[in-house]
Amino acid sequence: MKFVIFGLTISSAWANGHATPLRGMLKGLHRQGHSATFFERDVEYYAAHRDLSAPDFCELVLYEDWGSIQPRARAAVRSSDVAMVTSYCADGLAACRLVLDTPGPRHVFYDLDTPVTLAALEKDGLAIGGGAHYLRPELIPEFDLYLSFTGGPILATLEHRWGARCTAPLYGCVDPEVHTPVSAPPEALRCSLGYLGTYAADRQPMLQRLLIEPAHRRRAQRFLVVGSLYPASVEWPANVMTHPHLDPSEHPAFYAASRLTLSVTRQPMRDWGYTPSGRLFEAGSCGRPVLTDPFPGVEQFFEPGKEILVADQTAQAEAALELCDSELARIGAAARERTLAQHTGAHRARQLVEACEAAC
């Protein structure tokens, strides 16, 4: 199948959760004999942190403005089997209109931010992300298929409340060739608990309970937070090291250097559930244990206590930090086995093709 995708970015993993899973899935499509063209507006902040300029698994089209690329985009959509727009696409509304007005290919919307999208549609009648206007309610019933990064009850809401004709979950994933176990990580990254995530106000209370408070209580231990956009008002304990960004190629070393990796879910995703963070799959692929805040459906992806640890209180986080090395290694190994069996880019690529073939 030939896919044409209009999305946020695959060229930069900086400050977004789209690039890494999309890269893994696109590589999976390529390996399975499909082809894809990805259209991405070339914006300054991603250009400044670009870590993938010429992927060998798809065609990447960077453009300055929609008007200049529209003829090429129209031709690509006409010759495709599947034409897809993702959430947070910089020219989402224009891309939706182009896709939906072109007969022939399957018309697909892939929402990597479904709870955020629906909250915005409910409140304002328009989904906006990062300044991009990407979806209106009246467009949803026009798509043949609405794919969602969030599963569970939200799929029925999409159909019954918003008129989606056909829905399917398409969760995050990992590229196991990128996220592999590292035996000798750099000392500068070593810590008892590490967190990799861009600042989000709705994540901060949980980060406070699960990392900052334990750090206050465990002054002899080292903690690490990697991520951008944290305001100066955040008061980090002296034993919490911070780093603004690590390229995806450095993530395996981060996971290996963290005795335990913390994952914190955005509040809208936690409310709906069934939205596993990509960090769960990345760390799992590296064979490293994860401590996550609870969310409905977590057991669908990893078995708590066996393949993942779950906590929402400081005492629970401290109990996880008290586990012995052999127990943490056992959990990490089980997570890797589950990840490689169910959560790779190859798995999601097959699920994407199957969903497109079965679309209403």
Protein backbone atom coordinates (compact mmCIF):
# COMPACT_ATOMS: atom_id res chain seq x y z
CA MET A 1 0.00 0.00 0.00
CA LYS A 2 1.05 3.58 -0.61
CA PHE A 3 0.56 5.95 2.34
CA VAL A 4 0.59 9.75 2.27
CA ILE A 5 0.69 11.36 5.72
CA PHE A 6 0.36 14.98 6.78
CA GLY A 7 1.66 15.29 10.33
CA LEU A 8 3.42 17.28 13.01
CA THR A 9 6.97 15.98 12.62
CA ILE A 10 9.17 12.97 12.16
CA SER A 11 12.33 15.02 11.57
CA SER A 12 12.70 16.09 15.22
CA ALA A 13 11.92 14.30 18.47
CA TRP A 14 12.38 17.53 20.44
CA ALA A 15 9.48 18.44 22.76
CA ASN A 16 6.92 16.15 21.12
CA GLY A 17 5.67 12.60 21.43
CA HIS A 18 4.84 12.08 17.77
CA ALA A 19 8.18 11.62 16.02
CA THR A 20 9.44 8.49 17.76
CA PRO A 21 6.34 6.25 17.37
CA LEU A 22 5.71 7.48 13.83
CA ARG A 23 9.28 6.67 12.84
CA GLY A 24 8.94 3.17 14.26
CA MET A 25 5.68 2.53 12.47
CA LEU A 26 6.91 3.98 9.17
CA LYS A 27 9.99 1.78 9.31
CA GLY A 28 7.69 -1.17 9.94
CA LEU A 29 5.60 -0.29 6.89
CA HIS A 30 8.74 -0.04 4.77
CA ARG A 31 10.03 -3.42 5.94
CA GLN A 32 6.68 -4.98 5.10
CA GLY A 33 6.78 -3.74 1.51
CA HIS A 34 4.66 -0.60 1.78
CA SER A 35 5.71 2.96 0.95
CA ALA A 36 5.01 6.28 2.64
CA THR A 37 5.45 10.00 2.03
CA PHE A 38 5.36 12.27 5.08
CA PHE A 39 4.59 15.99 4.67
CA GLU A 40 5.90 18.21 7.48
CA ARG A 41 5.96 21.98 7.73
CA ASP A 42 9.55 23.11 8.28
CA VAL A 43 9.30 25.14 11.48
CA GLU A 44 12.18 26.85 13.24
CA TYR A 45 12.02 25.06 16.58
CA TYR A 46 12.12 21.59 15.03
CA ALA A 47 14.75 22.62 12.48
CA ALA A 48 16.95 23.74 15.38
CA HIS A 49 16.69 20.29 16.96
CA ARG A 50 16.48 18.11 13.85
CA ASP A 51 17.84 14.60 14.35
CA LEU A 52 16.46 12.92 11.20
CA SER A 53 16.85 14.73 7.89
CA ALA A 54 16.79 11.92 5.35
CA PRO A 55 15.00 8.78 6.58
CA ASP A 56 15.66 5.64 4.57
CA PHE A 57 12.23 4.16 5.35
CA CYS A 58 9.99 6.87 3.86
CA GLU A 59 10.02 10.04 1.80
CA LEU A 60 10.13 13.14 4.00
CA VAL A 61 8.82 16.35 2.43
CA LEU A 62 9.67 19.51 4.38
CA TYR A 63 7.83 22.61 3.17
CA GLU A 64 7.70 26.28 4.14
CA ASP A 65 4.03 27.04 3.56
CA TRP A 66 0.92 25.18 2.44
CA GLY A 67 0.41 27.19 -0.74
CA SER A 68 3.81 26.23 -2.11
CA ILE A 69 3.39 22.51 -1.46
CA GLN A 70 -0.31 22.08 -2.24
CA PRO A 71 0.10 20.96 -5.89
CA ARG A 72 2.63 18.30 -4.90
CA ALA A 73 0.48 17.23 -1.96
CA ARG A 74 -2.60 16.92 -4.16
CA ALA A 75 -0.73 14.75 -6.66
CA ALA A 76 0.60 12.54 -3.87
CA VAL A 77 -2.86 12.04 -2.37
CA ARG A 78 -4.37 11.18 -5.76
CA SER A 79 -1.84 8.40 -6.30
CA SER A 80 -2.08 6.98 -2.76
CA ASP A 81 -3.98 4.07 -1.28
CA VAL A 82 -4.25 5.71 2.15
CA ALA A 83 -4.25 9.47 2.77
CA MET A 84 -3.83 10.37 6.44
CA VAL A 85 -3.82 13.53 8.56
CA THR A 86 -2.55 13.44 12.14
CA SER A 87 -3.38 15.56 15.15
CA TYR A 88 -1.25 18.69 15.63
CA CYS A 89 -0.51 18.80 11.90
CA ALA A 90 0.62 22.38 11.24
CA ASP A 91 -1.77 22.71 8.27
CA GLY A 92 -4.30 20.22 9.57
CA LEU A 93 -7.53 21.82 8.38
CA ALA A 94 -6.18 22.43 4.88
CA ALA A 95 -4.75 18.91 4.74
CA CYS A 96 -8.05 17.43 5.94
CA ARG A 97 -9.94 19.27 3.22
CA LEU A 98 -7.47 18.17 0.54
CA VAL A 99 -7.62 14.54 1.65
CA LEU A 100 -11.40 14.42 2.02
CA ASP A 101 -12.00 16.11 -1.34
CA THR A 102 -9.83 13.57 -3.19
CA PRO A 103 -11.68 10.39 -4.20
CA GLY A 104 -9.88 7.08 -4.31
CA PRO A 105 -7.69 6.56 -1.25
CA ARG A 106 -8.87 5.63 2.21
CA HIS A 107 -9.35 8.85 4.17
CA VAL A 108 -7.83 8.43 7.64
CA PHE A 109 -7.39 10.70 10.64
CA TYR A 110 -4.79 9.54 13.17
CA ASP A 111 -5.21 11.23 16.53
CA LEU A 112 -2.15 10.90 18.74
CA ASP A 113 -3.78 13.26 21.26
CA THR A 114 -7.41 12.11 21.34
CA PRO A 115 -8.41 13.26 24.87
CA VAL A 116 -6.90 16.69 24.22
CA THR A 117 -8.57 16.88 20.81
CA LEU A 118 -12.04 16.01 22.11
CA ALA A 119 -11.76 18.41 25.04
CA ALA A 120 -10.92 21.22 22.61
CA LEU A 121 -13.74 20.29 20.24
CA GLU A 122 -16.20 20.24 23.14
CA LYS A 123 -15.04 23.60 24.46
CA ASP A 124 -14.24 25.59 21.32
CA GLY A 125 -15.49 23.59 18.33
CA LEU A 126 -11.92 23.56 17.04
CA ALA A 127 -8.88 21.44 17.90
CA ILE A 128 -5.73 23.52 18.21
CA GLY A 129 -2.29 22.24 19.13
CA GLY A 130 0.95 24.17 19.11
CA GLY A 131 -0.81 26.95 17.24
CA ALA A 132 -2.06 24.55 14.57
CA HIS A 133 -5.78 24.33 13.77
CA TYR A 134 -6.12 20.68 12.84
CA LEU A 135 -9.70 19.41 13.25
CA ARG A 136 -13.33 20.55 13.37
CA PRO A 137 -16.27 18.39 14.52
CA GLU A 138 -17.97 18.35 11.12
CA LEU A 139 -14.91 16.74 9.52
CA ILE A 140 -14.92 13.63 11.71
CA PRO A 141 -17.84 11.80 10.00
CA GLU A 142 -16.23 12.38 6.61
CA PHE A 143 -13.21 10.18 7.36
CA ASP A 144 -13.38 6.50 6.50
CA LEU A 145 -11.34 5.69 9.61
CA TYR A 146 -10.46 7.50 12.82
CA LEU A 147 -7.38 5.96 14.44
CA SER A 148 -6.69 6.82 18.07
CA PHE A 149 -3.54 6.70 20.22
CA THR A 150 -6.06 6.23 23.06
CA GLY A 151 -8.16 3.09 23.22
CA GLY A 152 -10.90 1.97 25.56
CA PRO A 153 -14.18 3.91 26.04
CA ILE A 154 -13.06 6.92 24.01
CA LEU A 155 -13.59 4.93 20.80
CA ALA A 156 -17.32 4.62 21.50
CA THR A 157 -17.42 8.34 22.31
CA LEU A 158 -15.85 9.11 18.95
CA GLU A 159 -18.54 7.10 17.20
CA HIS A 160 -21.64 8.03 19.21
CA ARG A 161 -20.87 11.62 20.22
CA TRP A 162 -18.78 12.79 17.27
CA GLY A 163 -20.07 10.63 14.43
CA ALA A 164 -16.90 8.76 13.52
CA ARG A 165 -17.83 6.09 10.97
CA CYS A 166 -15.14 3.61 11.95
CA THR A 167 -12.60 3.72 14.79
CA ALA A 168 -9.64 1.64 15.90
CA PRO A 169 -6.87 2.05 18.46
CA LEU A 170 -3.34 2.51 17.17
CA TYR A 171 -1.14 2.80 20.22
CA GLY A 172 2.40 4.03 20.57
CA CYS A 173 5.30 1.76 19.75
CA VAL A 174 9.06 1.44 19.75
CA ASP A 175 11.79 0.70 17.23
CA PRO A 176 13.80 -2.10 18.89
CA GLU A 177 16.74 -1.39 16.59
CA VAL A 178 17.02 2.09 18.12
CA HIS A 179 16.05 1.25 21.69
CA THR A 180 18.40 -1.58 22.60
CA PRO A 181 20.02 -2.58 25.91
CA VAL A 182 23.20 -0.65 26.77
CA SER A 183 25.77 -2.36 28.98
CA ALA A 184 27.98 0.61 29.90
CA PRO A 185 26.02 3.88 30.10
CA PRO A 186 27.85 7.15 30.82
CA GLU A 187 28.39 7.98 34.48
CA ALA A 188 26.93 11.45 33.96
CA LEU A 189 23.47 9.91 33.43
CA ARG A 190 23.54 7.44 36.34
CA CYS A 191 20.72 7.91 38.83
CA SER A 192 18.37 6.06 41.14
CA LEU A 193 15.31 7.40 39.33
CA GLY A 194 15.26 9.07 35.93
CA TYR A 195 12.47 10.95 34.18
CA LEU A 196 12.39 11.83 30.49
CA GLY A 197 9.64 14.27 29.55
CA THR A 198 8.82 17.78 28.38
CA TYR A 199 7.23 20.05 30.98
CA ALA A 200 3.45 19.90 31.24
CA ALA A 201 1.57 21.66 34.02
CA ASP A 202 -0.86 18.77 34.46
CA ARG A 203 2.01 16.30 34.94
CA GLN A 204 3.85 18.38 37.52
CA PRO A 205 1.86 17.37 40.65
CA MET A 206 2.55 13.70 39.96
CA LEU A 207 6.21 14.43 39.20
CA GLN A 208 6.32 16.23 42.54
CA ARG A 209 4.97 13.18 44.39
CA LEU A 210 6.91 10.48 42.58
CA LEU A 211 10.31 12.13 42.03
CA ILE A 212 10.80 15.48 43.73
CA GLU A 213 9.50 14.42 47.16
CA PRO A 214 11.50 11.15 47.15
CA ALA A 215 14.56 13.20 46.20
CA HIS A 216 14.00 15.47 49.22
CA ARG A 217 13.83 12.41 51.46
CA ARG A 218 16.81 10.61 49.89
CA ARG A 219 19.56 13.18 49.78
CA ALA A 220 22.25 10.56 49.27
CA GLN A 221 20.66 9.35 46.03
CA ARG A 222 20.86 10.99 42.62
CA PHE A 223 17.81 11.78 40.48
CA LEU A 224 17.70 12.94 36.85
CA VAL A 225 15.10 14.89 34.85
CA VAL A 226 15.60 15.28 31.10
CA GLY A 227 13.25 17.58 29.23
CA SER A 228 12.63 21.08 27.95
CA LEU A 229 10.30 23.98 28.78
CA TYR A 230 10.43 23.66 32.59
CA PRO A 231 9.75 27.10 34.12
CA ALA A 232 12.26 28.73 36.43
CA SER A 233 9.68 28.51 39.21
CA VAL A 234 10.20 24.75 39.56
CA GLU A 235 12.30 24.18 42.68
CA TRP A 236 14.56 21.18 42.14
CA PRO A 237 16.27 19.59 45.15
CA ALA A 238 20.07 19.73 45.02
CA ASN A 239 20.28 16.01 44.21
CA VAL A 240 18.04 16.31 41.13
CA MET A 241 20.12 16.85 38.01
CA THR A 242 18.39 18.41 34.98
CA HIS A 243 19.20 18.26 31.29
CA PRO A 244 17.22 20.08 28.56
CA HIS A 245 17.24 17.40 25.86
CA LEU A 246 18.67 14.08 24.75
CA ASP A 247 18.52 12.92 21.14
CA PRO A 248 16.62 9.65 20.63
CA SER A 249 19.94 7.94 19.94
CA GLU A 250 20.90 8.74 23.54
CA HIS A 251 17.70 7.44 25.13
CA PRO A 252 18.93 3.84 25.51
CA ALA A 253 21.89 5.11 27.52
CA PHE A 254 19.51 7.16 29.68
CA TYR A 255 17.37 4.12 30.43
CA ALA A 256 20.42 1.97 31.14
CA ALA A 257 21.85 4.58 33.50
CA SER A 258 18.57 4.92 35.43
CA ARG A 259 18.16 2.23 38.05
CA LEU A 260 14.44 2.88 37.62
CA THR A 261 12.67 5.01 34.98
CA LEU A 262 9.64 7.13 35.83
CA SER A 263 6.73 7.69 33.44
CA VAL A 264 4.06 10.31 34.18
CA THR A 265 0.83 10.52 32.16
CA ARG A 266 -0.84 13.75 30.99
CA GLN A 267 -4.03 14.36 32.97
CA PRO A 268 -6.47 14.04 30.02
CA MET A 269 -4.84 10.71 29.07
CA ARG A 270 -4.98 9.55 32.68
CA ASP A 271 -8.67 10.44 32.89
CA TRP A 272 -9.60 8.41 29.80
CA GLY A 273 -6.98 5.71 30.28
CA TYR A 274 -5.71 3.30 27.64
CA THR A 275 -2.99 5.73 26.55
CA PRO A 276 0.38 4.14 27.28
CA SER A 277 3.28 6.56 27.17
CA GLY A 278 5.94 5.83 24.60
CA ARG A 279 8.44 5.78 27.48
CA LEU A 280 6.93 2.47 28.63
CA PHE A 281 7.79 0.85 25.31
CA GLU A 282 11.17 2.54 24.93
CA ALA A 283 12.41 1.52 28.38
CA GLY A 284 10.85 -1.91 27.96
CA SER A 285 12.66 -2.46 24.68
CA CYS A 286 15.89 -1.57 26.50
CA GLY A 287 15.11 -4.12 29.21
CA ARG A 288 14.78 -1.49 31.92
CA PRO A 289 12.15 -1.35 34.70
CA VAL A 290 9.54 1.42 34.70
CA LEU A 291 7.59 3.09 37.49
CA THR A 292 4.39 4.62 36.10
CA ASP A 293 1.50 6.52 37.59
CA PRO A 294 -1.73 4.49 37.37
CA PHE A 295 -4.12 4.86 34.46
CA PRO A 296 -7.11 2.76 33.38
CA GLY A 297 -6.01 -0.07 31.11
CA VAL A 298 -2.35 -0.19 32.12
CA GLU A 299 -2.67 -3.96 32.58
CA GLN A 300 -3.60 -4.31 28.89
CA PHE A 301 -0.03 -3.34 27.99
CA PHE A 302 2.11 -4.52 30.92
CA GLU A 303 1.29 -6.63 33.98
CA PRO A 304 1.68 -4.56 37.17
CA GLY A 305 4.15 -6.05 39.60
CA LYS A 306 5.59 -8.38 36.98
CA GLU A 307 6.37 -6.22 33.94
CA ILE A 308 5.89 -2.71 35.37
CA LEU A 309 5.61 -0.91 38.72
CA VAL A 310 2.71 1.43 39.50
CA ALA A 311 2.55 4.26 42.04
CA ASP A 312 0.68 7.49 42.68
CA GLN A 313 1.96 8.27 46.18
CA THR A 314 5.42 9.18 47.44
CA ALA A 315 5.55 6.17 49.78
CA GLN A 316 4.90 3.83 46.85
CA ALA A 317 7.67 5.46 44.82
CA GLU A 318 10.04 5.05 47.75
CA ALA A 319 9.05 1.38 48.06
CA ALA A 320 9.94 0.89 44.40
CA LEU A 321 13.31 2.54 44.98
CA GLU A 322 13.93 0.07 47.83
CA LEU A 323 13.62 -2.98 45.55
CA CYS A 324 16.81 -4.96 45.09
CA ASP A 325 18.78 -4.96 41.85
CA SER A 326 17.79 -8.52 40.97
CA GLU A 327 14.07 -7.76 41.30
CA LEU A 328 14.36 -4.65 39.13
CA ALA A 329 16.34 -6.65 36.56
CA ARG A 330 13.61 -9.31 36.52
CA ILE A 331 10.92 -6.68 35.89
CA GLY A 332 13.01 -5.09 33.13
CA ALA A 333 13.57 -8.43 31.41
CA ALA A 334 9.85 -9.23 31.53
CA ALA A 335 9.02 -5.80 30.12
CA ARG A 336 11.43 -6.34 27.24
CA GLU A 337 9.87 -9.71 26.41
CA ARG A 338 6.37 -8.21 26.38
CA THR A 339 7.46 -5.17 24.37
CA LEU A 340 9.18 -7.18 21.65
CA ALA A 341 6.19 -9.52 21.45
CA GLN A 342 3.47 -6.86 21.15
CA HIS A 343 4.59 -3.23 20.99
CA THR A 344 7.10 -2.67 18.19
CA GLY A 345 6.77 -0.49 15.12
CA ALA A 346 6.35 -3.64 13.05
CA HIS A 347 3.31 -4.63 15.13
CA ARG A 348 1.72 -1.20 14.72
CA ALA A 349 2.43 -1.17 10.99
CA ARG A 350 0.54 -4.45 10.56
CA GLN A 351 -2.31 -3.13 12.70
CA LEU A 352 -2.45 0.04 10.61
CA VAL A 353 -2.71 -1.91 7.36
CA GLU A 354 -5.35 -4.22 8.81
CA ALA A 355 -7.41 -1.27 10.08
CA CYS A 356 -7.24 0.49 6.72
CA GLU A 357 -8.28 -2.65 4.86
CA ALA A 358 -11.21 -3.22 7.22
CA ALA A 359 -12.37 0.41 7.37
CA CYS A 360 -16.08 1.07 6.94
